[in-house]
Amino acid sequence: MFGVSTRKPPAAYFRLTRDLCMRGTHSSRRSYLAGLATAVGTAAAGCLADDEDDRNTGADTFDCEPVEAADPDSEPVHPEYEQTGVVVQSMDCETLGSVTAAIADTPELRYTGLSDTESLPEDRGMLFVHEEEGELTYVMREMDFDIDIVYADSDSIITEIHHARAPGPDEDGNELRYPGTGQYVLEVVRDWTTARGVEPGDRLVFDR
């Protein structure tokens, strides 16, 4: 799994995101996201790699007490990666779930992603970090299992969630493309977000 940042979204996106984060109900969240989708437009990106790492936990957009992330010191699934705890928090400050995530913050690590991983425990994931927010496309190249792909903006607010299937016997996965807008992308096992009620407008909380 990997993607490329192509351009910054329009100013309307940031205005809508700020307004969205001020709202406290799921119904208002969904109505604002309808406007958000119009402002951002359709993602279209090639499958390349770039960037450095620039992290933001999104604390300025939520008026919530600090939360303790998942244990970043647990036994790594990907020993060649650094790892961090990632918590998903709702707009009303409810903790929805947490994983320990490997950090893919270089072009090489993002290109490989989970494609060399045979399976993923439910309490693990991979956090892709891009230099800046932009339009991205992630593909299921050589993946062995289904995943959820969670896009989050520069404030770590979730903008898009895809339920992505693994490629079939005659597919390499490059044609299975999942676009979104963000600076961070969290990959977890498929339906992890559904089981925990995670949706756009929630946020990722993490540190490193």
N, C-alpha and C. Protein backbone atom coordinates (compact mmCIF):
# COMPACT_ATOMS: atom_id res chain seq x y z
N MET A 1 0.83 -1.19 0.00
CA MET A 1 0.00 0.00 0.00
C MET A 1 0.87 1.24 0.00
N PHE A 2 0.59 2.17 -0.90
CA PHE A 2 1.31 3.42 -0.86
C PHE A 2 0.58 4.44 -1.70
N GLY A 3 0.94 5.71 -1.54
CA GLY A 3 0.28 6.78 -2.28
C GLY A 3 1.20 7.94 -2.47
N VAL A 4 0.70 8.97 -3.13
CA VAL A 4 1.49 10.16 -3.40
C VAL A 4 0.65 11.39 -3.16
N SER A 5 1.28 12.41 -2.57
CA SER A 5 0.63 13.70 -2.40
C SER A 5 0.76 14.48 -3.69
N THR A 6 -0.36 15.02 -4.23
CA THR A 6 -0.31 15.73 -5.50
C THR A 6 -0.51 17.23 -5.34
N ARG A 7 -1.41 17.64 -4.49
CA ARG A 7 -1.59 19.08 -4.30
C ARG A 7 -2.39 19.33 -3.02
N LYS A 8 -2.31 20.55 -2.54
CA LYS A 8 -3.08 20.92 -1.36
C LYS A 8 -4.54 21.09 -1.73
N PRO A 9 -5.49 20.70 -0.86
CA PRO A 9 -6.90 20.92 -1.15
C PRO A 9 -7.26 22.39 -1.09
N PRO A 10 -8.39 22.78 -1.67
CA PRO A 10 -8.78 24.19 -1.70
C PRO A 10 -9.07 24.73 -0.32
N ALA A 11 -9.05 26.08 -0.22
CA ALA A 11 -9.27 26.74 1.06
C ALA A 11 -10.61 26.38 1.66
N ALA A 12 -11.60 26.13 0.81
CA ALA A 12 -12.92 25.77 1.33
C ALA A 12 -12.86 24.51 2.18
N TYR A 13 -11.95 23.60 1.84
CA TYR A 13 -11.80 22.37 2.62
C TYR A 13 -11.43 22.70 4.06
N PHE A 14 -10.46 23.60 4.25
CA PHE A 14 -10.01 23.92 5.59
C PHE A 14 -11.09 24.64 6.38
N ARG A 15 -11.86 25.51 5.70
CA ARG A 15 -12.95 26.20 6.40
C ARG A 15 -13.99 25.19 6.86
N LEU A 16 -14.35 24.27 5.98
CA LEU A 16 -15.35 23.28 6.34
C LEU A 16 -14.85 22.35 7.44
N THR A 17 -13.56 22.01 7.40
CA THR A 17 -13.00 21.14 8.43
C THR A 17 -13.04 21.82 9.79
N ARG A 18 -12.68 23.11 9.82
CA ARG A 18 -12.74 23.82 11.10
C ARG A 18 -14.16 23.89 11.62
N ASP A 19 -15.11 24.19 10.71
CA ASP A 19 -16.51 24.24 11.13
C ASP A 19 -16.97 22.87 11.61
N LEU A 20 -16.57 21.84 10.91
CA LEU A 20 -16.96 20.48 11.27
C LEU A 20 -16.50 20.14 12.67
N CYS A 21 -15.28 20.52 13.03
CA CYS A 21 -14.73 20.16 14.32
C CYS A 21 -15.39 20.91 15.46
N MET A 22 -16.13 21.97 15.15
CA MET A 22 -16.85 22.70 16.18
C MET A 22 -18.19 22.08 16.48
N ARG A 23 -18.67 21.16 15.60
CA ARG A 23 -19.99 20.58 15.76
C ARG A 23 -19.95 19.38 16.70
N GLY A 24 -21.00 19.15 17.47
CA GLY A 24 -20.97 18.11 18.47
C GLY A 24 -21.87 16.94 18.21
N THR A 25 -22.56 16.86 17.06
CA THR A 25 -23.48 15.75 16.82
C THR A 25 -23.13 15.07 15.53
N HIS A 26 -23.50 13.78 15.43
CA HIS A 26 -23.22 13.03 14.20
C HIS A 26 -24.05 13.55 13.04
N SER A 27 -25.26 14.03 13.28
CA SER A 27 -26.09 14.50 12.18
C SER A 27 -25.49 15.74 11.55
N SER A 28 -25.00 16.69 12.36
CA SER A 28 -24.38 17.88 11.79
C SER A 28 -23.08 17.51 11.10
N ARG A 29 -22.37 16.53 11.64
CA ARG A 29 -21.14 16.09 11.01
C ARG A 29 -21.40 15.61 9.60
N ARG A 30 -22.43 14.80 9.42
CA ARG A 30 -22.69 14.25 8.09
C ARG A 30 -23.10 15.35 7.11
N SER A 31 -23.89 16.33 7.56
CA SER A 31 -24.30 17.40 6.66
C SER A 31 -23.10 18.24 6.24
N TYR A 32 -22.17 18.46 7.15
CA TYR A 32 -20.98 19.21 6.78
C TYR A 32 -20.07 18.41 5.87
N LEU A 33 -20.02 17.10 6.06
CA LEU A 33 -19.18 16.29 5.20
C LEU A 33 -19.68 16.29 3.76
N ALA A 34 -20.98 16.47 3.58
CA ALA A 34 -21.50 16.57 2.22
C ALA A 34 -20.89 17.78 1.53
N GLY A 35 -20.81 18.91 2.26
CA GLY A 35 -20.17 20.09 1.69
C GLY A 35 -18.68 19.89 1.53
N LEU A 36 -18.07 19.16 2.47
CA LEU A 36 -16.65 18.88 2.39
C LEU A 36 -16.30 18.12 1.13
N ALA A 37 -17.11 17.12 0.79
CA ALA A 37 -16.84 16.33 -0.41
C ALA A 37 -16.90 17.20 -1.65
N THR A 38 -17.84 18.13 -1.70
CA THR A 38 -17.96 19.03 -2.84
C THR A 38 -16.74 19.92 -2.96
N ALA A 39 -16.26 20.42 -1.79
CA ALA A 39 -15.13 21.34 -1.81
C ALA A 39 -13.84 20.65 -2.24
N VAL A 40 -13.65 19.42 -1.80
CA VAL A 40 -12.39 18.73 -2.08
C VAL A 40 -12.35 18.21 -3.50
N GLY A 41 -13.46 17.64 -4.00
CA GLY A 41 -13.49 17.07 -5.33
C GLY A 41 -12.96 15.65 -5.34
N THR A 42 -12.70 15.15 -6.53
CA THR A 42 -12.29 13.76 -6.70
C THR A 42 -10.78 13.65 -6.67
N ALA A 43 -10.26 12.68 -5.89
CA ALA A 43 -8.82 12.47 -5.80
C ALA A 43 -8.32 11.75 -7.04
N ALA A 44 -7.15 12.19 -7.52
CA ALA A 44 -6.54 11.52 -8.66
C ALA A 44 -5.04 11.63 -8.50
N ALA A 45 -4.38 10.52 -8.23
CA ALA A 45 -2.94 10.57 -7.99
C ALA A 45 -2.29 9.34 -8.55
N GLY A 46 -1.00 9.48 -8.91
CA GLY A 46 -0.23 8.33 -9.35
C GLY A 46 0.28 7.55 -8.17
N CYS A 47 0.90 6.43 -8.46
CA CYS A 47 1.43 5.58 -7.40
C CYS A 47 2.93 5.78 -7.32
N LEU A 48 3.33 6.82 -6.60
CA LEU A 48 4.73 7.13 -6.41
C LEU A 48 4.97 7.27 -4.92
N ALA A 49 6.14 7.78 -4.54
CA ALA A 49 6.43 7.99 -3.13
C ALA A 49 7.28 9.24 -3.01
N ASP A 50 7.17 9.91 -1.83
CA ASP A 50 7.91 11.14 -1.62
C ASP A 50 8.01 11.41 -0.13
N ASP A 51 8.17 12.66 0.23
CA ASP A 51 7.98 13.22 1.55
C ASP A 51 8.97 12.91 2.64
N GLU A 52 8.81 13.75 3.67
CA GLU A 52 9.44 13.55 4.95
C GLU A 52 8.32 13.37 5.95
N ASP A 53 8.61 13.37 7.26
CA ASP A 53 7.54 13.21 8.24
C ASP A 53 7.26 14.52 8.95
N ASP A 54 5.96 14.79 9.20
CA ASP A 54 5.53 15.99 9.89
C ASP A 54 4.24 15.63 10.59
N ARG A 55 4.28 15.50 11.90
CA ARG A 55 3.16 14.93 12.62
C ARG A 55 2.39 15.98 13.40
N ASN A 56 1.09 15.75 13.51
CA ASN A 56 0.20 16.62 14.26
C ASN A 56 -0.88 15.75 14.86
N THR A 57 -1.09 15.85 16.17
CA THR A 57 -2.06 14.98 16.83
C THR A 57 -3.46 15.53 16.78
N GLY A 58 -3.67 16.74 16.24
CA GLY A 58 -5.00 17.27 16.12
C GLY A 58 -5.57 17.81 17.41
N ALA A 59 -4.73 18.05 18.42
CA ALA A 59 -5.23 18.46 19.72
C ALA A 59 -5.91 19.82 19.68
N ASP A 60 -5.52 20.69 18.72
CA ASP A 60 -6.08 22.03 18.69
C ASP A 60 -7.51 22.06 18.19
N THR A 61 -8.01 21.01 17.56
CA THR A 61 -9.34 21.02 16.99
C THR A 61 -10.37 20.30 17.84
N PHE A 62 -9.95 19.63 18.91
CA PHE A 62 -10.85 18.93 19.82
C PHE A 62 -10.61 19.45 21.23
N ASP A 63 -11.66 19.72 21.95
CA ASP A 63 -11.54 20.17 23.33
C ASP A 63 -11.73 18.96 24.24
N CYS A 64 -10.77 18.03 24.20
CA CYS A 64 -10.86 16.78 24.94
C CYS A 64 -9.67 16.65 25.89
N GLU A 65 -9.87 15.91 26.95
CA GLU A 65 -8.77 15.59 27.84
C GLU A 65 -7.77 14.69 27.12
N PRO A 66 -6.49 14.78 27.47
CA PRO A 66 -5.51 13.89 26.83
C PRO A 66 -5.87 12.43 27.06
N VAL A 67 -5.61 11.61 26.05
CA VAL A 67 -5.88 10.18 26.16
C VAL A 67 -4.57 9.41 26.06
N GLU A 68 -4.55 8.24 26.65
CA GLU A 68 -3.36 7.41 26.60
C GLU A 68 -3.42 6.53 25.36
N ALA A 69 -2.41 6.62 24.53
CA ALA A 69 -2.39 5.84 23.30
C ALA A 69 -2.10 4.38 23.60
N ALA A 70 -2.34 3.55 22.60
CA ALA A 70 -2.00 2.14 22.72
C ALA A 70 -0.51 1.99 23.00
N ASP A 71 -0.13 0.88 23.56
CA ASP A 71 1.24 0.66 24.01
C ASP A 71 2.22 0.64 22.84
N PRO A 72 3.07 1.68 22.72
CA PRO A 72 4.01 1.71 21.60
C PRO A 72 5.21 0.78 21.81
N ASP A 73 5.34 0.21 23.01
CA ASP A 73 6.49 -0.63 23.33
C ASP A 73 6.16 -2.12 23.28
N SER A 74 4.96 -2.46 22.80
CA SER A 74 4.61 -3.87 22.69
C SER A 74 5.44 -4.54 21.60
N GLU A 75 5.46 -5.87 21.60
CA GLU A 75 6.26 -6.63 20.65
C GLU A 75 5.91 -6.23 19.21
N PRO A 76 6.87 -5.76 18.42
CA PRO A 76 6.55 -5.27 17.08
C PRO A 76 6.21 -6.38 16.11
N VAL A 77 5.23 -6.12 15.24
CA VAL A 77 4.94 -7.00 14.12
C VAL A 77 5.90 -6.72 12.97
N HIS A 78 6.34 -5.46 12.88
CA HIS A 78 7.27 -5.03 11.84
C HIS A 78 8.53 -4.47 12.52
N PRO A 79 9.47 -5.30 12.88
CA PRO A 79 10.63 -4.85 13.66
C PRO A 79 11.49 -3.81 12.95
N GLU A 80 11.41 -3.73 11.61
CA GLU A 80 12.23 -2.76 10.89
C GLU A 80 11.62 -1.35 10.91
N TYR A 81 10.41 -1.21 11.45
CA TYR A 81 9.72 0.07 11.53
C TYR A 81 9.72 0.58 12.98
N GLU A 82 9.78 1.89 13.14
CA GLU A 82 9.40 2.46 14.43
C GLU A 82 7.90 2.28 14.60
N GLN A 83 7.41 2.36 15.83
CA GLN A 83 5.99 2.20 16.04
C GLN A 83 5.47 3.19 17.07
N THR A 84 4.17 3.42 17.03
CA THR A 84 3.52 4.37 17.94
C THR A 84 2.13 3.86 18.27
N GLY A 85 1.60 4.30 19.38
CA GLY A 85 0.22 4.01 19.71
C GLY A 85 -0.71 4.99 19.02
N VAL A 86 -1.81 4.49 18.46
CA VAL A 86 -2.81 5.33 17.80
C VAL A 86 -4.17 5.07 18.44
N VAL A 87 -4.80 6.12 18.91
CA VAL A 87 -6.15 6.05 19.47
C VAL A 87 -7.10 6.76 18.52
N VAL A 88 -8.29 6.21 18.30
CA VAL A 88 -9.33 6.89 17.54
C VAL A 88 -10.33 7.44 18.53
N GLN A 89 -10.58 8.74 18.43
CA GLN A 89 -11.43 9.44 19.37
C GLN A 89 -12.56 10.14 18.63
N SER A 90 -13.77 10.06 19.17
CA SER A 90 -14.92 10.71 18.54
C SER A 90 -14.92 12.20 18.86
N MET A 91 -15.82 12.94 18.21
CA MET A 91 -15.92 14.37 18.43
C MET A 91 -16.39 14.70 19.84
N ASP A 92 -17.10 13.77 20.49
CA ASP A 92 -17.53 14.00 21.87
C ASP A 92 -16.56 13.36 22.86
N CYS A 93 -15.33 13.12 22.41
CA CYS A 93 -14.20 12.70 23.25
C CYS A 93 -14.28 11.26 23.71
N GLU A 94 -15.10 10.44 23.06
CA GLU A 94 -15.15 9.03 23.40
C GLU A 94 -14.03 8.28 22.68
N THR A 95 -13.32 7.43 23.40
CA THR A 95 -12.31 6.58 22.79
C THR A 95 -12.99 5.41 22.11
N LEU A 96 -12.81 5.29 20.79
CA LEU A 96 -13.49 4.27 20.00
C LEU A 96 -12.64 3.02 19.82
N GLY A 97 -11.33 3.16 19.82
CA GLY A 97 -10.46 2.02 19.63
C GLY A 97 -9.01 2.47 19.60
N SER A 98 -8.09 1.52 19.66
CA SER A 98 -6.67 1.85 19.61
C SER A 98 -5.89 0.68 19.03
N VAL A 99 -4.77 1.02 18.40
CA VAL A 99 -3.86 0.02 17.86
C VAL A 99 -2.43 0.48 18.10
N THR A 100 -1.52 -0.47 18.05
CA THR A 100 -0.10 -0.16 17.97
C THR A 100 0.27 -0.21 16.49
N ALA A 101 0.80 0.90 15.97
CA ALA A 101 1.00 1.02 14.53
C ALA A 101 2.48 1.20 14.17
N ALA A 102 2.93 0.46 13.17
CA ALA A 102 4.23 0.71 12.57
C ALA A 102 4.17 2.02 11.79
N ILE A 103 5.25 2.78 11.80
CA ILE A 103 5.27 4.10 11.17
C ILE A 103 5.99 4.00 9.83
N ALA A 104 5.27 4.31 8.76
CA ALA A 104 5.84 4.34 7.41
C ALA A 104 5.99 5.81 7.00
N ASP A 105 7.17 6.37 7.20
CA ASP A 105 7.36 7.80 6.99
C ASP A 105 8.48 8.13 6.02
N THR A 106 8.91 7.14 5.24
CA THR A 106 9.87 7.38 4.16
C THR A 106 9.29 6.80 2.88
N PRO A 107 9.76 7.24 1.72
CA PRO A 107 9.24 6.68 0.46
C PRO A 107 9.36 5.17 0.40
N GLU A 108 10.46 4.62 0.87
CA GLU A 108 10.66 3.18 0.81
C GLU A 108 9.69 2.43 1.72
N LEU A 109 9.51 2.92 2.93
CA LEU A 109 8.60 2.25 3.88
C LEU A 109 7.15 2.38 3.42
N ARG A 110 6.80 3.54 2.86
CA ARG A 110 5.42 3.70 2.38
C ARG A 110 5.16 2.81 1.17
N TYR A 111 6.16 2.65 0.31
CA TYR A 111 5.98 1.82 -0.88
C TYR A 111 5.73 0.36 -0.49
N THR A 112 6.49 -0.12 0.46
CA THR A 112 6.32 -1.50 0.91
C THR A 112 5.03 -1.67 1.69
N GLY A 113 4.80 -0.77 2.64
CA GLY A 113 3.57 -0.82 3.43
C GLY A 113 3.34 -2.20 4.03
N LEU A 114 2.13 -2.70 3.88
CA LEU A 114 1.76 -4.01 4.42
C LEU A 114 1.88 -5.13 3.39
N SER A 115 2.45 -4.83 2.23
CA SER A 115 2.49 -5.84 1.16
C SER A 115 3.37 -7.03 1.49
N ASP A 116 4.31 -6.87 2.43
CA ASP A 116 5.15 -7.97 2.86
C ASP A 116 4.63 -8.64 4.13
N THR A 117 3.43 -8.30 4.55
CA THR A 117 2.85 -8.81 5.79
C THR A 117 1.80 -9.87 5.46
N GLU A 118 1.93 -11.06 6.05
CA GLU A 118 1.01 -12.14 5.75
C GLU A 118 -0.34 -11.97 6.46
N SER A 119 -0.33 -11.41 7.66
CA SER A 119 -1.56 -11.19 8.41
C SER A 119 -1.31 -10.08 9.42
N LEU A 120 -2.39 -9.54 9.97
CA LEU A 120 -2.28 -8.41 10.89
C LEU A 120 -3.21 -8.65 12.08
N PRO A 121 -2.69 -8.67 13.30
CA PRO A 121 -3.58 -8.78 14.46
C PRO A 121 -4.52 -7.59 14.55
N GLU A 122 -5.64 -7.78 15.23
CA GLU A 122 -6.65 -6.73 15.31
C GLU A 122 -6.17 -5.51 16.09
N ASP A 123 -5.18 -5.67 16.94
CA ASP A 123 -4.69 -4.54 17.74
C ASP A 123 -3.46 -3.90 17.12
N ARG A 124 -3.18 -4.21 15.85
CA ARG A 124 -2.03 -3.63 15.16
C ARG A 124 -2.47 -2.92 13.89
N GLY A 125 -1.58 -2.06 13.38
CA GLY A 125 -1.85 -1.34 12.15
C GLY A 125 -0.58 -0.73 11.60
N MET A 126 -0.74 0.08 10.57
CA MET A 126 0.39 0.83 10.01
C MET A 126 -0.06 2.25 9.76
N LEU A 127 0.75 3.21 10.23
CA LEU A 127 0.47 4.64 10.07
C LEU A 127 1.41 5.21 9.03
N PHE A 128 0.86 5.67 7.90
CA PHE A 128 1.63 6.29 6.83
C PHE A 128 1.65 7.80 7.05
N VAL A 129 2.84 8.38 7.02
CA VAL A 129 3.01 9.80 7.29
C VAL A 129 3.57 10.48 6.05
N HIS A 130 2.85 11.49 5.55
CA HIS A 130 3.30 12.27 4.39
C HIS A 130 3.73 13.66 4.85
N GLU A 131 4.50 14.33 4.00
CA GLU A 131 5.07 15.63 4.34
C GLU A 131 3.99 16.67 4.57
N GLU A 132 2.93 16.62 3.75
CA GLU A 132 1.86 17.59 3.86
C GLU A 132 0.55 16.96 3.40
N GLU A 133 -0.53 17.64 3.69
CA GLU A 133 -1.85 17.17 3.29
C GLU A 133 -2.04 17.33 1.79
N GLY A 134 -2.68 16.36 1.18
CA GLY A 134 -2.94 16.43 -0.25
C GLY A 134 -3.80 15.26 -0.68
N GLU A 135 -4.02 15.16 -1.99
CA GLU A 135 -4.79 14.06 -2.55
C GLU A 135 -3.88 12.85 -2.74
N LEU A 136 -4.33 11.70 -2.28
CA LEU A 136 -3.54 10.48 -2.30
C LEU A 136 -4.34 9.36 -2.92
N THR A 137 -3.65 8.35 -3.41
CA THR A 137 -4.30 7.12 -3.83
C THR A 137 -3.47 5.95 -3.33
N TYR A 138 -4.11 5.07 -2.58
CA TYR A 138 -3.45 3.86 -2.08
C TYR A 138 -3.96 2.65 -2.85
N VAL A 139 -3.05 1.73 -3.12
CA VAL A 139 -3.39 0.53 -3.90
C VAL A 139 -3.11 -0.72 -3.06
N MET A 140 -3.72 -1.84 -3.48
CA MET A 140 -3.60 -3.10 -2.72
C MET A 140 -2.56 -4.03 -3.34
N ARG A 141 -1.43 -3.48 -3.73
CA ARG A 141 -0.41 -4.26 -4.41
C ARG A 141 0.11 -5.39 -3.53
N GLU A 142 -0.01 -6.62 -4.04
CA GLU A 142 0.54 -7.82 -3.41
C GLU A 142 0.07 -8.00 -1.97
N MET A 143 -1.11 -7.51 -1.66
CA MET A 143 -1.66 -7.68 -0.32
C MET A 143 -2.24 -9.08 -0.15
N ASP A 144 -2.10 -9.64 1.05
CA ASP A 144 -2.60 -10.98 1.34
C ASP A 144 -3.91 -10.98 2.12
N PHE A 145 -4.40 -9.83 2.54
CA PHE A 145 -5.60 -9.77 3.35
C PHE A 145 -6.31 -8.43 3.15
N ASP A 146 -7.59 -8.40 3.50
CA ASP A 146 -8.41 -7.19 3.38
C ASP A 146 -8.05 -6.22 4.51
N ILE A 147 -8.21 -4.93 4.23
CA ILE A 147 -7.91 -3.91 5.25
C ILE A 147 -8.92 -2.76 5.17
N ASP A 148 -8.93 -1.96 6.22
CA ASP A 148 -9.55 -0.63 6.20
C ASP A 148 -8.46 0.40 5.96
N ILE A 149 -8.72 1.35 5.09
CA ILE A 149 -7.79 2.45 4.80
C ILE A 149 -8.44 3.73 5.31
N VAL A 150 -7.79 4.36 6.27
CA VAL A 150 -8.36 5.52 6.96
C VAL A 150 -7.51 6.75 6.65
N TYR A 151 -8.08 7.69 5.90
CA TYR A 151 -7.39 8.95 5.60
C TYR A 151 -7.68 9.97 6.68
N ALA A 152 -6.66 10.75 7.07
CA ALA A 152 -6.83 11.82 8.05
C ALA A 152 -6.06 13.05 7.59
N ASP A 153 -6.61 14.23 7.85
CA ASP A 153 -6.00 15.47 7.38
C ASP A 153 -4.84 15.89 8.28
N SER A 154 -4.31 17.09 8.06
CA SER A 154 -3.15 17.56 8.80
C SER A 154 -3.43 17.75 10.28
N ASP A 155 -4.70 17.86 10.66
CA ASP A 155 -5.09 17.92 12.07
C ASP A 155 -5.47 16.54 12.60
N SER A 156 -5.22 15.51 11.81
CA SER A 156 -5.51 14.10 12.12
C SER A 156 -7.00 13.83 12.23
N ILE A 157 -7.83 14.67 11.60
CA ILE A 157 -9.27 14.43 11.52
C ILE A 157 -9.54 13.49 10.34
N ILE A 158 -10.30 12.44 10.58
CA ILE A 158 -10.58 11.45 9.54
C ILE A 158 -11.45 12.05 8.44
N THR A 159 -11.01 11.92 7.20
CA THR A 159 -11.73 12.46 6.05
C THR A 159 -12.38 11.39 5.19
N GLU A 160 -11.85 10.16 5.23
CA GLU A 160 -12.34 9.11 4.34
C GLU A 160 -11.96 7.75 4.91
N ILE A 161 -12.87 6.77 4.77
CA ILE A 161 -12.58 5.39 5.17
C ILE A 161 -12.95 4.46 4.02
N HIS A 162 -12.02 3.61 3.61
CA HIS A 162 -12.29 2.60 2.58
C HIS A 162 -12.17 1.22 3.20
N HIS A 163 -13.04 0.31 2.77
CA HIS A 163 -12.94 -1.11 3.13
C HIS A 163 -12.38 -1.82 1.89
N ALA A 164 -11.09 -2.11 1.93
CA ALA A 164 -10.38 -2.56 0.74
C ALA A 164 -10.18 -4.08 0.75
N ARG A 165 -10.45 -4.70 -0.39
CA ARG A 165 -10.26 -6.15 -0.49
C ARG A 165 -8.88 -6.47 -1.03
N ALA A 166 -8.41 -7.65 -0.67
CA ALA A 166 -7.13 -8.13 -1.20
C ALA A 166 -7.31 -8.53 -2.66
N PRO A 167 -6.25 -8.48 -3.46
CA PRO A 167 -6.36 -8.89 -4.86
C PRO A 167 -6.65 -10.38 -4.99
N GLY A 168 -7.36 -10.73 -6.08
CA GLY A 168 -7.67 -12.12 -6.36
C GLY A 168 -6.50 -12.85 -6.99
N PRO A 169 -6.68 -14.12 -7.33
CA PRO A 169 -5.59 -14.95 -7.88
C PRO A 169 -4.96 -14.37 -9.15
N ASP A 170 -5.73 -13.70 -9.99
CA ASP A 170 -5.21 -13.17 -11.25
C ASP A 170 -4.99 -11.66 -11.20
N GLU A 171 -4.89 -11.10 -10.01
CA GLU A 171 -4.70 -9.66 -9.84
C GLU A 171 -3.41 -9.41 -9.07
N ASP A 172 -2.73 -8.30 -9.41
CA ASP A 172 -1.56 -7.92 -8.62
C ASP A 172 -1.89 -6.85 -7.59
N GLY A 173 -3.11 -6.30 -7.67
CA GLY A 173 -3.56 -5.31 -6.68
C GLY A 173 -3.36 -3.87 -7.10
N ASN A 174 -2.57 -3.62 -8.14
CA ASN A 174 -2.34 -2.23 -8.56
C ASN A 174 -3.59 -1.56 -9.10
N GLU A 175 -4.54 -2.37 -9.59
CA GLU A 175 -5.77 -1.80 -10.13
C GLU A 175 -6.81 -1.55 -9.03
N LEU A 176 -6.55 -2.02 -7.81
CA LEU A 176 -7.46 -1.78 -6.68
C LEU A 176 -7.02 -0.49 -6.00
N ARG A 177 -7.63 0.62 -6.41
CA ARG A 177 -7.18 1.95 -6.03
C ARG A 177 -8.21 2.61 -5.12
N TYR A 178 -7.71 3.25 -4.04
CA TYR A 178 -8.58 3.85 -3.04
C TYR A 178 -8.09 5.27 -2.74
N PRO A 179 -8.75 6.27 -3.35
CA PRO A 179 -8.30 7.65 -3.19
C PRO A 179 -8.83 8.31 -1.92
N GLY A 180 -8.16 9.36 -1.52
CA GLY A 180 -8.62 10.14 -0.38
C GLY A 180 -7.75 11.37 -0.20
N THR A 181 -8.14 12.23 0.72
CA THR A 181 -7.40 13.45 1.03
C THR A 181 -6.87 13.36 2.45
N GLY A 182 -5.58 13.60 2.62
CA GLY A 182 -5.02 13.54 3.96
C GLY A 182 -3.53 13.74 3.99
N GLN A 183 -3.01 13.77 5.20
CA GLN A 183 -1.57 13.76 5.44
C GLN A 183 -1.16 12.44 6.11
N TYR A 184 -2.13 11.82 6.78
CA TYR A 184 -1.89 10.56 7.47
C TYR A 184 -2.86 9.51 6.94
N VAL A 185 -2.38 8.27 6.86
CA VAL A 185 -3.22 7.15 6.46
C VAL A 185 -2.98 6.01 7.44
N LEU A 186 -4.05 5.56 8.07
CA LEU A 186 -3.96 4.43 8.99
C LEU A 186 -4.57 3.20 8.33
N GLU A 187 -3.81 2.10 8.29
CA GLU A 187 -4.32 0.84 7.78
C GLU A 187 -4.47 -0.15 8.91
N VAL A 188 -5.65 -0.74 9.02
CA VAL A 188 -5.97 -1.75 10.03
C VAL A 188 -6.73 -2.88 9.33
N VAL A 189 -6.99 -3.97 10.05
CA VAL A 189 -7.71 -5.08 9.43
C VAL A 189 -9.10 -4.61 9.01
N ARG A 190 -9.63 -5.27 7.99
CA ARG A 190 -10.92 -4.85 7.44
C ARG A 190 -12.03 -4.94 8.48
N ASP A 191 -12.91 -3.93 8.45
CA ASP A 191 -14.07 -3.78 9.33
C ASP A 191 -13.69 -3.44 10.76
N TRP A 192 -12.42 -3.14 11.03
CA TRP A 192 -12.02 -2.63 12.35
C TRP A 192 -12.78 -1.35 12.66
N THR A 193 -12.88 -0.46 11.67
CA THR A 193 -13.58 0.81 11.89
C THR A 193 -15.08 0.60 12.07
N THR A 194 -15.66 -0.30 11.29
CA THR A 194 -17.10 -0.55 11.39
C THR A 194 -17.46 -1.11 12.76
N ALA A 195 -16.67 -2.04 13.26
CA ALA A 195 -16.95 -2.66 14.55
C ALA A 195 -16.89 -1.66 15.70
N ARG A 196 -16.16 -0.57 15.52
CA ARG A 196 -15.97 0.41 16.58
C ARG A 196 -16.72 1.71 16.32
N GLY A 197 -17.49 1.76 15.25
CA GLY A 197 -18.27 2.95 14.95
C GLY A 197 -17.45 4.15 14.53
N VAL A 198 -16.27 3.90 13.97
CA VAL A 198 -15.41 4.99 13.51
C VAL A 198 -15.94 5.53 12.19
N GLU A 199 -15.95 6.85 12.04
CA GLU A 199 -16.44 7.47 10.81
C GLU A 199 -15.73 8.80 10.58
N PRO A 200 -15.85 9.35 9.36
CA PRO A 200 -15.24 10.66 9.09
C PRO A 200 -15.71 11.70 10.10
N GLY A 201 -14.76 12.54 10.53
CA GLY A 201 -15.03 13.53 11.57
C GLY A 201 -14.43 13.13 12.90
N ASP A 202 -14.22 11.83 13.13
CA ASP A 202 -13.45 11.39 14.30
C ASP A 202 -11.99 11.74 14.06
N ARG A 203 -11.14 11.52 15.07
CA ARG A 203 -9.74 11.88 14.88
C ARG A 203 -8.81 10.78 15.36
N LEU A 204 -7.61 10.81 14.81
CA LEU A 204 -6.52 9.94 15.25
C LEU A 204 -5.67 10.69 16.28
N VAL A 205 -5.35 10.04 17.37
CA VAL A 205 -4.48 10.62 18.39
C VAL A 205 -3.24 9.74 18.47
N PHE A 206 -2.07 10.33 18.26
CA PHE A 206 -0.84 9.55 18.29
C PHE A 206 0.33 10.45 18.64
N ASP A 207 1.41 9.85 19.01
CA ASP A 207 2.62 10.59 19.35
C ASP A 207 3.80 9.76 18.89
N ARG A 208 4.98 10.38 18.91
CA ARG A 208 6.18 9.64 18.54
C ARG A 208 7.37 10.20 19.29
